[in-house]
Amino acid sequence: MVKKIFKSIHVYDNNGLRFCEFKYSDSGVGLPDDFDLDNVTSLGWIIIKSLIGQLDGEFELFNDNGFNLVMKFPIN
Protein backbone atom coordinates (compact mmCIF):
# COMPACT_ATOMS: atom_id res chain seq x y z
CA MET A 1 0.00 0.00 0.00
CA VAL A 2 1.29 3.46 -0.92
CA LYS A 3 0.99 6.06 1.83
CA LYS A 4 -0.35 9.40 0.61
CA ILE A 5 0.89 12.58 2.29
CA PHE A 6 -0.78 15.99 2.14
CA LYS A 7 0.82 19.23 3.40
CA SER A 8 -0.42 22.79 3.17
CA ILE A 9 0.41 26.21 4.58
CA HIS A 10 -2.21 28.93 4.65
CA VAL A 11 -1.86 32.51 5.90
CA TYR A 12 -5.04 34.33 6.89
CA ASP A 13 -6.34 37.35 8.80
CA ASN A 14 -8.64 37.03 11.80
CA ASN A 15 -9.91 40.17 13.57
CA GLY A 16 -6.93 42.22 12.39
CA LEU A 17 -4.33 39.59 13.33
CA ARG A 18 -2.40 37.42 10.87
CA PHE A 19 -2.10 33.69 11.39
CA CYS A 20 -0.32 30.81 9.71
CA GLU A 21 -1.95 27.40 9.54
CA PHE A 22 0.11 24.33 8.69
CA LYS A 23 -1.71 21.07 7.92
CA TYR A 24 -0.20 17.63 7.56
CA SER A 25 -2.08 14.39 6.94
CA ASP A 26 -1.24 10.94 5.72
CA SER A 27 -3.13 7.80 4.84
CA GLY A 28 -1.30 5.63 7.37
CA VAL A 29 -2.73 3.84 10.40
CA GLY A 30 -3.17 7.03 12.44
CA LEU A 31 -2.63 7.42 16.16
CA PRO A 32 -3.31 4.51 18.50
CA ASP A 33 -6.45 4.74 20.65
CA ASP A 34 -4.35 4.99 23.84
CA PHE A 35 -2.10 7.79 22.50
CA ASP A 36 -1.34 10.29 25.29
CA LEU A 37 0.53 13.37 24.09
CA ASP A 38 1.38 14.39 27.66
CA ASN A 39 3.43 11.22 28.12
CA VAL A 40 5.21 11.03 24.75
CA THR A 41 9.01 11.17 24.95
CA SER A 42 10.01 10.93 21.28
CA LEU A 43 12.20 13.69 19.91
CA GLY A 44 9.73 14.55 17.12
CA TRP A 45 6.87 15.28 19.52
CA ILE A 46 9.17 17.19 21.89
CA ILE A 47 10.23 19.40 18.96
CA ILE A 48 6.62 19.98 17.79
CA LYS A 49 5.38 20.86 21.29
CA SER A 50 8.37 23.15 21.88
CA LEU A 51 7.96 24.91 18.53
CA ILE A 52 4.25 25.55 19.10
CA GLY A 53 5.01 26.91 22.58
CA GLN A 54 7.68 29.25 21.23
CA LEU A 55 5.33 30.51 18.51
CA ASP A 56 2.48 31.03 20.98
CA GLY A 57 0.39 28.71 18.84
CA GLU A 58 -1.82 25.69 19.16
CA PHE A 59 -2.17 22.34 17.48
CA GLU A 60 -4.70 19.61 17.02
CA LEU A 61 -4.17 15.89 16.37
CA PHE A 62 -6.82 13.52 15.11
CA ASN A 63 -7.43 10.41 13.05
CA ASP A 64 -9.45 10.75 9.86
CA ASN A 65 -8.45 8.14 7.28
CA GLY A 66 -4.94 8.34 8.77
CA PHE A 67 -2.96 10.76 10.92
CA ASN A 68 -3.78 14.50 10.87
CA LEU A 69 -1.95 17.44 12.44
CA VAL A 70 -3.06 21.09 12.27
CA MET A 71 -0.79 23.81 13.72
CA LYS A 72 -1.87 27.45 13.99
CA PHE A 73 0.22 30.36 15.18
CA PRO A 74 0.18 34.17 14.96
CA ILE A 75 2.60 35.93 12.63
CA ASN A 76 3.77 39.55 12.50
PDB file of N, CA and C in Angstrom:
ATOM      1  N   MET A   1       0.836  -1.184   0.000  1.00  0.00           N
ATOM      2  CA  MET A   1       0.000   0.000   0.000  1.00  0.00           C
ATOM      3  C   MET A   1       0.884   1.252   0.000  1.00  0.00           C
ATOM      4  N   VAL A   2       0.562   2.200  -0.827  1.00  0.00           N
ATOM      5  CA  VAL A   2       1.293   3.455  -0.917  1.00  0.00           C
ATOM      6  C   VAL A   2       0.663   4.457   0.051  1.00  0.00           C
ATOM      7  N   LYS A   3       1.496   5.050   0.902  1.00  0.00           N
ATOM      8  CA  LYS A   3       0.991   6.064   1.827  1.00  0.00           C
ATOM      9  C   LYS A   3       0.938   7.401   1.111  1.00  0.00           C
ATOM     10  N   LYS A   4      -0.200   8.074   1.199  1.00  0.00           N
ATOM     11  CA  LYS A   4      -0.349   9.402   0.608  1.00  0.00           C
ATOM     12  C   LYS A   4      -0.122  10.439   1.698  1.00  0.00           C
ATOM     13  N   ILE A   5       0.592  11.511   1.349  1.00  0.00           N
ATOM     14  CA  ILE A   5       0.888  12.585   2.287  1.00  0.00           C
ATOM     15  C   ILE A   5       0.387  13.895   1.696  1.00  0.00           C
ATOM     16  N   PHE A   6      -0.275  14.683   2.539  1.00  0.00           N
ATOM     17  CA  PHE A   6      -0.781  15.990   2.143  1.00  0.00           C
ATOM     18  C   PHE A   6      -0.217  17.022   3.112  1.00  0.00           C
ATOM     19  N   LYS A   7       0.316  18.134   2.585  1.00  0.00           N
ATOM     20  CA  LYS A   7       0.821  19.231   3.404  1.00  0.00           C
ATOM     21  C   LYS A   7       0.315  20.536   2.815  1.00  0.00           C
ATOM     22  N   SER A   8      -0.031  21.468   3.671  1.00  0.00           N
ATOM     23  CA  SER A   8      -0.416  22.789   3.171  1.00  0.00           C
ATOM     24  C   SER A   8      -0.069  23.851   4.208  1.00  0.00           C
ATOM     25  N   ILE A   9       0.183  25.046   3.723  1.00  0.00           N
ATOM     26  CA  ILE A   9       0.409  26.212   4.576  1.00  0.00           C
ATOM     27  C   ILE A   9      -0.506  27.312   4.075  1.00  0.00           C
ATOM     28  N   HIS A  10      -1.235  27.898   4.996  1.00  0.00           N
ATOM     29  CA  HIS A  10      -2.209  28.927   4.647  1.00  0.00           C
ATOM     30  C   HIS A  10      -2.023  30.098   5.611  1.00  0.00           C
ATOM     31  N   VAL A  11      -1.931  31.304   5.083  1.00  0.00           N
ATOM     32  CA  VAL A  11      -1.858  32.515   5.897  1.00  0.00           C
ATOM     33  C   VAL A  11      -3.186  33.241   5.770  1.00  0.00           C
ATOM     34  N   TYR A  12      -3.742  33.672   6.913  1.00  0.00           N
ATOM     35  CA  TYR A  12      -5.043  34.327   6.890  1.00  0.00           C
ATOM     36  C   TYR A  12      -5.131  35.398   7.981  1.00  0.00           C
ATOM     37  N   ASP A  13      -6.070  36.293   7.822  1.00  0.00           N
ATOM     38  CA  ASP A  13      -6.344  37.345   8.804  1.00  0.00           C
ATOM     39  C   ASP A  13      -7.571  36.969   9.615  1.00  0.00           C
ATOM     40  N   ASN A  14      -7.513  37.284  10.917  1.00  0.00           N
ATOM     41  CA  ASN A  14      -8.643  37.035  11.798  1.00  0.00           C
ATOM     42  C   ASN A  14      -8.710  38.178  12.797  1.00  0.00           C
ATOM     43  N   ASN A  15      -9.723  39.014  12.677  1.00  0.00           N
ATOM     44  CA  ASN A  15      -9.907  40.167  13.569  1.00  0.00           C
ATOM     45  C   ASN A  15      -8.674  41.065  13.620  1.00  0.00           C
ATOM     46  N   GLY A  16      -8.075  41.324  12.470  1.00  0.00           N
ATOM     47  CA  GLY A  16      -6.929  42.216  12.389  1.00  0.00           C
ATOM     48  C   GLY A  16      -5.588  41.571  12.699  1.00  0.00           C
ATOM     49  N   LEU A  17      -5.569  40.299  13.062  1.00  0.00           N
ATOM     50  CA  LEU A  17      -4.327  39.587  13.331  1.00  0.00           C
ATOM     51  C   LEU A  17      -4.056  38.591  12.216  1.00  0.00           C
ATOM     52  N   ARG A  18      -2.773  38.382  11.908  1.00  0.00           N
ATOM     53  CA  ARG A  18      -2.405  37.416  10.868  1.00  0.00           C
ATOM     54  C   ARG A  18      -1.991  36.098  11.520  1.00  0.00           C
ATOM     55  N   PHE A  19      -2.408  35.022  10.898  1.00  0.00           N
ATOM     56  CA  PHE A  19      -2.097  33.686  11.392  1.00  0.00           C
ATOM     57  C   PHE A  19      -1.570  32.819  10.261  1.00  0.00           C
ATOM     58  N   CYS A  20      -0.780  31.830  10.641  1.00  0.00           N
ATOM     59  CA  CYS A  20      -0.316  30.811   9.714  1.00  0.00           C
ATOM     60  C   CYS A  20      -0.902  29.483  10.183  1.00  0.00           C
ATOM     61  N   GLU A  21      -1.400  28.713   9.238  1.00  0.00           N
ATOM     62  CA  GLU A  21      -1.947  27.400   9.544  1.00  0.00           C
ATOM     63  C   GLU A  21      -1.214  26.365   8.696  1.00  0.00           C
ATOM     64  N   PHE A  22      -0.600  25.410   9.358  1.00  0.00           N
ATOM     65  CA  PHE A  22       0.105  24.330   8.687  1.00  0.00           C
ATOM     66  C   PHE A  22      -0.687  23.051   8.897  1.00  0.00           C
ATOM     67  N   LYS A  23      -0.982  22.336   7.824  1.00  0.00           N
ATOM     68  CA  LYS A  23      -1.714  21.071   7.916  1.00  0.00           C
ATOM     69  C   LYS A  23      -0.862  19.957   7.329  1.00  0.00           C
ATOM     70  N   TYR A  24      -0.861  18.828   8.031  1.00  0.00           N
ATOM     71  CA  TYR A  24      -0.201  17.625   7.556  1.00  0.00           C
ATOM     72  C   TYR A  24      -1.163  16.465   7.769  1.00  0.00           C
ATOM     73  N   SER A  25      -1.294  15.615   6.767  1.00  0.00           N
ATOM     74  CA  SER A  25      -2.081  14.395   6.939  1.00  0.00           C
ATOM     75  C   SER A  25      -1.460  13.299   6.087  1.00  0.00           C
ATOM     76  N   ASP A  26      -1.682  12.075   6.519  1.00  0.00           N
ATOM     77  CA  ASP A  26      -1.239  10.944   5.720  1.00  0.00           C
ATOM     78  C   ASP A  26      -2.287   9.835   5.792  1.00  0.00           C
ATOM     79  N   SER A  27      -2.158   8.885   4.923  1.00  0.00           N
ATOM     80  CA  SER A  27      -3.134   7.798   4.836  1.00  0.00           C
ATOM     81  C   SER A  27      -2.670   6.554   5.591  1.00  0.00           C
ATOM     82  N   GLY A  28      -1.803   6.748   6.578  1.00  0.00           N
ATOM     83  CA  GLY A  28      -1.300   5.631   7.366  1.00  0.00           C
ATOM     84  C   GLY A  28      -2.323   5.140   8.377  1.00  0.00           C
ATOM     85  N   VAL A  29      -1.842   4.455   9.404  1.00  0.00           N
ATOM     86  CA  VAL A  29      -2.726   3.839  10.399  1.00  0.00           C
ATOM     87  C   VAL A  29      -3.260   4.841  11.417  1.00  0.00           C
ATOM     88  N   GLY A  30      -2.701   6.028  11.494  1.00  0.00           N
ATOM     89  CA  GLY A  30      -3.165   7.027  12.443  1.00  0.00           C
ATOM     90  C   GLY A  30      -2.582   6.794  13.825  1.00  0.00           C
ATOM     91  N   LEU A  31      -3.092   7.539  14.782  1.00  0.00           N
ATOM     92  CA  LEU A  31      -2.630   7.424  16.161  1.00  0.00           C
ATOM     93  C   LEU A  31      -3.332   6.257  16.852  1.00  0.00           C
ATOM     94  N   PRO A  32      -2.644   5.578  17.761  1.00  0.00           N
ATOM     95  CA  PRO A  32      -3.309   4.507  18.505  1.00  0.00           C
ATOM     96  C   PRO A  32      -4.372   5.085  19.443  1.00  0.00           C
ATOM     97  N   ASP A  33      -5.356   4.280  19.782  1.00  0.00           N
ATOM     98  CA  ASP A  33      -6.448   4.736  20.653  1.00  0.00           C
ATOM     99  C   ASP A  33      -5.948   5.208  22.017  1.00  0.00           C
ATOM    100  N   ASP A  34      -4.861   4.619  22.514  1.00  0.00           N
ATOM    101  CA  ASP A  34      -4.351   4.986  23.838  1.00  0.00           C
ATOM    102  C   ASP A  34      -3.244   6.051  23.774  1.00  0.00           C
ATOM    103  N   PHE A  35      -3.129   6.765  22.658  1.00  0.00           N
ATOM    104  CA  PHE A  35      -2.102   7.794  22.503  1.00  0.00           C
ATOM    105  C   PHE A  35      -2.326   8.900  23.521  1.00  0.00           C
ATOM    106  N   ASP A  36      -1.270   9.242  24.272  1.00  0.00           N
ATOM    107  CA  ASP A  36      -1.342  10.286  25.293  1.00  0.00           C
ATOM    108  C   ASP A  36      -0.191  11.269  25.061  1.00  0.00           C
ATOM    109  N   LEU A  37      -0.492  12.393  24.458  1.00  0.00           N
ATOM    110  CA  LEU A  37       0.531  13.368  24.092  1.00  0.00           C
ATOM    111  C   LEU A  37       1.317  13.870  25.302  1.00  0.00           C
ATOM    112  N   ASP A  38       0.686  13.909  26.464  1.00  0.00           N
ATOM    113  CA  ASP A  38       1.376  14.391  27.661  1.00  0.00           C
ATOM    114  C   ASP A  38       2.477  13.442  28.129  1.00  0.00           C
ATOM    115  N   ASN A  39       2.442  12.203  27.684  1.00  0.00           N
ATOM    116  CA  ASN A  39       3.433  11.218  28.120  1.00  0.00           C
ATOM    117  C   ASN A  39       4.331  10.714  26.992  1.00  0.00           C
ATOM    118  N   VAL A  40       4.360  11.432  25.877  1.00  0.00           N
ATOM    119  CA  VAL A  40       5.210  11.032  24.752  1.00  0.00           C
ATOM    120  C   VAL A  40       6.614  11.590  24.965  1.00  0.00           C
ATOM    121  N   THR A  41       7.625  10.747  24.734  1.00  0.00           N
ATOM    122  CA  THR A  41       9.013  11.172  24.953  1.00  0.00           C
ATOM    123  C   THR A  41       9.849  11.166  23.677  1.00  0.00           C
ATOM    124  N   SER A  42       9.232  10.961  22.521  1.00  0.00           N
ATOM    125  CA  SER A  42      10.009  10.927  21.281  1.00  0.00           C
ATOM    126  C   SER A  42      10.478  12.333  20.913  1.00  0.00           C
ATOM    127  N   LEU A  43      11.617  12.406  20.275  1.00  0.00           N
ATOM    128  CA  LEU A  43      12.201  13.694  19.909  1.00  0.00           C
ATOM    129  C   LEU A  43      11.284  14.500  18.992  1.00  0.00           C
ATOM    130  N   GLY A  44      10.619  13.836  18.040  1.00  0.00           N
ATOM    131  CA  GLY A  44       9.726  14.547  17.119  1.00  0.00           C
ATOM    132  C   GLY A  44       8.621  15.294  17.838  1.00  0.00           C
ATOM    133  N   TRP A  45       7.966  14.622  18.790  1.00  0.00           N
ATOM    134  CA  TRP A  45       6.871  15.281  19.521  1.00  0.00           C
ATOM    135  C   TRP A  45       7.392  16.371  20.447  1.00  0.00           C
ATOM    136  N   ILE A  46       8.571  16.158  21.037  1.00  0.00           N
ATOM    137  CA  ILE A  46       9.168  17.195  21.887  1.00  0.00           C
ATOM    138  C   ILE A  46       9.438  18.445  21.054  1.00  0.00           C
ATOM    139  N   ILE A  47       9.952  18.265  19.840  1.00  0.00           N
ATOM    140  CA  ILE A  47      10.232  19.404  18.957  1.00  0.00           C
ATOM    141  C   ILE A  47       8.940  20.117  18.566  1.00  0.00           C
ATOM    142  N   ILE A  48       7.898  19.365  18.184  1.00  0.00           N
ATOM    143  CA  ILE A  48       6.624  19.978  17.787  1.00  0.00           C
ATOM    144  C   ILE A  48       6.026  20.764  18.943  1.00  0.00           C
ATOM    145  N   LYS A  49       5.964  20.166  20.125  1.00  0.00           N
ATOM    146  CA  LYS A  49       5.381  20.861  21.288  1.00  0.00           C
ATOM    147  C   LYS A  49       6.190  22.099  21.651  1.00  0.00           C
ATOM    148  N   SER A  50       7.514  22.013  21.570  1.00  0.00           N
ATOM    149  CA  SER A  50       8.369  23.149  21.885  1.00  0.00           C
ATOM    150  C   SER A  50       8.182  24.278  20.864  1.00  0.00           C
ATOM    151  N   LEU A  51       8.146  23.919  19.591  1.00  0.00           N
ATOM    152  CA  LEU A  51       7.963  24.912  18.530  1.00  0.00           C
ATOM    153  C   LEU A  51       6.628  25.652  18.695  1.00  0.00           C
ATOM    154  N   ILE A  52       5.562  24.912  18.919  1.00  0.00           N
ATOM    155  CA  ILE A  52       4.252  25.548  19.100  1.00  0.00           C
ATOM    156  C   ILE A  52       4.259  26.473  20.308  1.00  0.00           C
ATOM    157  N   GLY A  53       4.910  26.055  21.389  1.00  0.00           N
ATOM    158  CA  GLY A  53       5.010  26.908  22.577  1.00  0.00           C
ATOM    159  C   GLY A  53       5.768  28.190  22.293  1.00  0.00           C
ATOM    160  N   GLN A  54       6.883  28.088  21.565  1.00  0.00           N
ATOM    161  CA  GLN A  54       7.683  29.255  21.234  1.00  0.00           C
ATOM    162  C   GLN A  54       6.946  30.219  20.312  1.00  0.00           C
ATOM    163  N   LEU A  55       6.079  29.678  19.450  1.00  0.00           N
ATOM    164  CA  LEU A  55       5.330  30.506  18.509  1.00  0.00           C
ATOM    165  C   LEU A  55       4.009  31.004  19.084  1.00  0.00           C
ATOM    166  N   ASP A  56       3.736  30.671  20.334  1.00  0.00           N
ATOM    167  CA  ASP A  56       2.479  31.029  20.984  1.00  0.00           C
ATOM    168  C   ASP A  56       1.289  30.520  20.164  1.00  0.00           C
ATOM    169  N   GLY A  57       1.423  29.296  19.705  1.00  0.00           N
ATOM    170  CA  GLY A  57       0.395  28.713  18.840  1.00  0.00           C
ATOM    171  C   GLY A  57      -0.351  27.578  19.505  1.00  0.00           C
ATOM    172  N   GLU A  58      -1.061  26.841  18.683  1.00  0.00           N
ATOM    173  CA  GLU A  58      -1.824  25.692  19.163  1.00  0.00           C
ATOM    174  C   GLU A  58      -1.816  24.629  18.073  1.00  0.00           C
ATOM    175  N   PHE A  59      -2.091  23.397  18.472  1.00  0.00           N
ATOM    176  CA  PHE A  59      -2.170  22.343  17.477  1.00  0.00           C
ATOM    177  C   PHE A  59      -3.233  21.334  17.862  1.00  0.00           C
ATOM    178  N   GLU A  60      -3.650  20.599  16.868  1.00  0.00           N
ATOM    179  CA  GLU A  60      -4.700  19.605  17.022  1.00  0.00           C
ATOM    180  C   GLU A  60      -4.245  18.331  16.313  1.00  0.00           C
ATOM    181  N   LEU A  61      -4.479  17.204  16.947  1.00  0.00           N
ATOM    182  CA  LEU A  61      -4.170  15.894  16.375  1.00  0.00           C
ATOM    183  C   LEU A  61      -5.461  15.096  16.299  1.00  0.00           C
ATOM    184  N   PHE A  62      -5.645  14.388  15.201  1.00  0.00           N
ATOM    185  CA  PHE A  62      -6.819  13.524  15.107  1.00  0.00           C
ATOM    186  C   PHE A  62      -6.618  12.495  14.009  1.00  0.00           C
ATOM    187  N   ASN A  63      -7.411  11.446  14.081  1.00  0.00           N
ATOM    188  CA  ASN A  63      -7.430  10.412  13.054  1.00  0.00           C
ATOM    189  C   ASN A  63      -8.628  10.654  12.144  1.00  0.00           C
ATOM    190  N   ASP A  64      -8.385  10.652  10.865  1.00  0.00           N
ATOM    191  CA  ASP A  64      -9.450  10.749   9.861  1.00  0.00           C
ATOM    192  C   ASP A  64      -8.882  10.149   8.585  1.00  0.00           C
ATOM    193  N   ASN A  65      -9.079   8.863   8.393  1.00  0.00           N
ATOM    194  CA  ASN A  65      -8.454   8.137   7.282  1.00  0.00           C
ATOM    195  C   ASN A  65      -6.933   8.251   7.343  1.00  0.00           C
ATOM    196  N   GLY A  66      -6.376   8.205   8.547  1.00  0.00           N
ATOM    197  CA  GLY A  66      -4.942   8.336   8.769  1.00  0.00           C
ATOM    198  C   GLY A  66      -4.664   9.401   9.814  1.00  0.00           C
ATOM    199  N   PHE A  67      -3.413   9.772   9.936  1.00  0.00           N
ATOM    200  CA  PHE A  67      -2.964  10.760  10.919  1.00  0.00           C
ATOM    201  C   PHE A  67      -3.157  12.173  10.377  1.00  0.00           C
ATOM    202  N   ASN A  68      -3.586  13.099  11.249  1.00  0.00           N
ATOM    203  CA  ASN A  68      -3.778  14.502  10.874  1.00  0.00           C
ATOM    204  C   ASN A  68      -3.210  15.402  11.967  1.00  0.00           C
ATOM    205  N   LEU A  69      -2.500  16.432  11.547  1.00  0.00           N
ATOM    206  CA  LEU A  69      -1.954  17.439  12.437  1.00  0.00           C
ATOM    207  C   LEU A  69      -2.269  18.801  11.849  1.00  0.00           C
ATOM    208  N   VAL A  70      -2.812  19.703  12.677  1.00  0.00           N
ATOM    209  CA  VAL A  70      -3.060  21.089  12.269  1.00  0.00           C
ATOM    210  C   VAL A  70      -2.388  21.982  13.294  1.00  0.00           C
ATOM    211  N   MET A  71      -1.465  22.844  12.840  1.00  0.00           N
ATOM    212  CA  MET A  71      -0.794  23.805  13.718  1.00  0.00           C
ATOM    213  C   MET A  71      -1.197  25.207  13.278  1.00  0.00           C
ATOM    214  N   LYS A  72      -1.535  26.044  14.253  1.00  0.00           N
ATOM    215  CA  LYS A  72      -1.869  27.447  13.990  1.00  0.00           C
ATOM    216  C   LYS A  72      -1.063  28.330  14.916  1.00  0.00           C
ATOM    217  N   PHE A  73      -0.533  29.431  14.352  1.00  0.00           N
ATOM    218  CA  PHE A  73       0.217  30.358  15.185  1.00  0.00           C
ATOM    219  C   PHE A  73       0.143  31.762  14.583  1.00  0.00           C
ATOM    220  N   PRO A  74       0.223  32.796  15.450  1.00  0.00           N
ATOM    221  CA  PRO A  74       0.180  34.171  14.956  1.00  0.00           C
ATOM    222  C   PRO A  74       1.491  34.534  14.277  1.00  0.00           C
ATOM    223  N   ILE A  75       1.409  35.433  13.295  1.00  0.00           N
ATOM    224  CA  ILE A  75       2.604  35.932  12.633  1.00  0.00           C
ATOM    225  C   ILE A  75       2.537  37.451  12.613  1.00  0.00           C
ATOM    226  N   ASN A  76       3.710  38.082  12.546  1.00  0.00           N
ATOM    227  CA  ASN A  76       3.770  39.549  12.505  1.00  0.00           C
ATOM    228  C   ASN A  76       3.742  40.030  11.079  1.00  0.00           C
TER     229      ASN A  76
END
